[in-house]
Amino acid sequence: MSHYMNYKSYIGTVEYSSEGDCLYGKVLGLKGMFSYEGQSIAELKEDFHHAVDEYLSFCKQKGIQPEKSFKGSFNVRVTPELHRMATIKADEKNVSLNTFVAMALARAVEA
């Protein structure tokens, strides 16, 4: 079972609240918090689509470029020791630190 929905290149989560007895979610990968909810999967999906459409409409109205959910670049904070060890391993493999981290992430998400 997937806990995600896709719409116009945006990914939204699917969560359940026992407190509110409803479904809810948020759009992943954007700086702002975009949330939606519904009493059924159909309502949740409709509100998710509405949230994305409203965001895109707002951006168009303001003349700003909408954020892409996933740009392919992000900051990772690690300890200085892990940074040092990763740099050494990358050098041993004769690749950049960026390539080394991308390879490690690819292995982790494939597992």
Protein backbone atom coordinates (compact mmCIF):
# COMPACT_ATOMS: atom_id res chain seq x y z
CA MET A 1 0.00 0.00 0.00
CA SER A 2 1.33 3.42 -0.96
CA HIS A 3 1.19 6.20 1.59
CA TYR A 4 1.77 8.84 -1.08
CA MET A 5 -0.19 10.59 -3.80
CA ASN A 6 1.19 12.27 -6.92
CA TYR A 7 -0.26 15.28 -8.71
CA LYS A 8 1.44 17.66 -11.15
CA SER A 9 4.91 16.47 -10.02
CA TYR A 10 4.10 17.07 -6.35
CA ILE A 11 4.04 14.26 -3.78
CA GLY A 12 1.65 14.26 -0.86
CA THR A 13 1.53 12.04 2.19
CA VAL A 14 -1.45 10.03 3.40
CA GLU A 15 -1.88 9.91 7.19
CA TYR A 16 -4.68 8.99 9.59
CA SER A 17 -5.60 10.92 12.72
CA SER A 18 -7.42 8.85 15.34
CA GLU A 19 -7.97 12.09 17.32
CA GLY A 20 -9.79 13.81 14.48
CA ASP A 21 -10.96 10.57 12.88
CA CYS A 22 -9.86 11.87 9.49
CA LEU A 23 -7.22 11.48 6.83
CA TYR A 24 -4.67 14.22 6.32
CA GLY A 25 -1.38 14.85 4.59
CA LYS A 26 1.23 17.37 3.52
CA VAL A 27 3.01 18.16 0.28
CA LEU A 28 6.60 16.95 0.46
CA GLY A 29 9.67 18.85 -0.68
CA LEU A 30 8.40 22.43 -0.43
CA LYS A 31 9.58 25.07 2.03
CA GLY A 32 6.06 26.10 3.05
CA MET A 33 3.66 23.81 4.85
CA PHE A 34 0.91 22.71 2.50
CA SER A 35 -1.57 20.42 4.17
CA TYR A 36 -4.93 18.92 3.25
CA GLU A 37 -7.50 16.59 4.77
CA GLY A 38 -10.61 14.56 4.10
CA GLN A 39 -12.99 12.02 5.56
CA SER A 40 -12.36 9.56 2.72
CA ILE A 41 -9.61 8.79 0.24
CA ALA A 42 -11.62 10.56 -2.46
CA GLU A 43 -11.97 13.69 -0.29
CA LEU A 44 -8.28 13.58 0.68
CA LYS A 45 -7.24 13.29 -2.95
CA GLU A 46 -9.57 16.13 -3.95
CA ASP A 47 -8.21 18.42 -1.22
CA PHE A 48 -4.61 17.49 -2.14
CA HIS A 49 -5.28 18.44 -5.77
CA HIS A 50 -6.96 21.64 -4.57
CA ALA A 51 -3.95 22.55 -2.38
CA VAL A 52 -1.53 22.07 -5.28
CA ASP A 53 -3.77 23.97 -7.72
CA GLU A 54 -4.17 26.84 -5.23
CA TYR A 55 -0.40 27.01 -4.75
CA LEU A 56 0.22 27.09 -8.51
CA SER A 57 -2.52 29.70 -8.97
CA PHE A 58 -1.04 31.87 -6.21
CA CYS A 59 2.41 31.70 -7.82
CA LYS A 60 1.00 32.60 -11.23
CA GLN A 61 -0.98 35.50 -9.76
CA LYS A 62 2.12 36.84 -7.97
CA GLY A 63 4.34 36.27 -11.01
CA ILE A 64 6.70 33.96 -9.13
CA GLN A 65 8.13 30.63 -10.20
CA PRO A 66 6.58 27.74 -8.23
CA GLU A 67 9.04 25.69 -6.24
CA LYS A 68 9.86 22.31 -7.65
CA SER A 69 9.33 19.61 -5.06
CA PHE A 70 12.68 18.01 -5.67
CA LYS A 71 15.47 20.05 -7.21
CA GLY A 72 18.16 17.39 -6.95
CA SER A 73 20.18 19.36 -4.45
CA PHE A 74 19.96 19.58 -0.66
CA ASN A 75 22.17 20.23 2.36
CA VAL A 76 23.18 17.38 4.60
CA ARG A 77 24.50 18.02 8.10
CA VAL A 78 26.86 15.42 9.50
CA THR A 79 29.51 15.33 12.18
CA PRO A 80 32.95 16.62 11.26
CA GLU A 81 34.31 13.07 11.71
CA LEU A 82 31.79 11.57 9.28
CA HIS A 83 32.53 14.38 6.82
CA ARG A 84 36.26 13.61 7.09
CA MET A 85 35.79 9.85 6.66
CA ALA A 86 33.45 10.30 3.68
CA THR A 87 35.93 12.67 2.01
CA ILE A 88 38.72 10.12 2.46
CA LYS A 89 36.57 7.26 1.08
CA ALA A 90 35.53 9.41 -1.89
CA ASP A 91 39.17 10.17 -2.62
CA GLU A 92 40.08 6.49 -2.35
CA LYS A 93 37.37 5.73 -4.94
CA ASN A 94 38.61 8.63 -7.07
CA VAL A 95 35.20 10.36 -7.08
CA SER A 96 33.95 13.67 -5.72
CA LEU A 97 32.32 13.81 -2.30
CA ASN A 98 29.05 14.68 -4.05
CA THR A 99 29.27 11.55 -6.23
CA PHE A 100 30.20 9.41 -3.23
CA VAL A 101 27.19 10.65 -1.23
CA ALA A 102 24.87 10.17 -4.24
CA MET A 103 26.13 6.59 -4.62
CA ALA A 104 25.57 5.90 -0.90
CA LEU A 105 22.04 7.33 -1.07
CA ALA A 106 21.24 5.25 -4.15
CA ARG A 107 22.35 2.08 -2.34
CA ALA A 108 20.31 3.02 0.74
CA VAL A 109 17.05 3.66 -1.11
CA GLU A 110 17.42 0.52 -3.23
CA ALA A 111 17.82 -1.65 -0.12
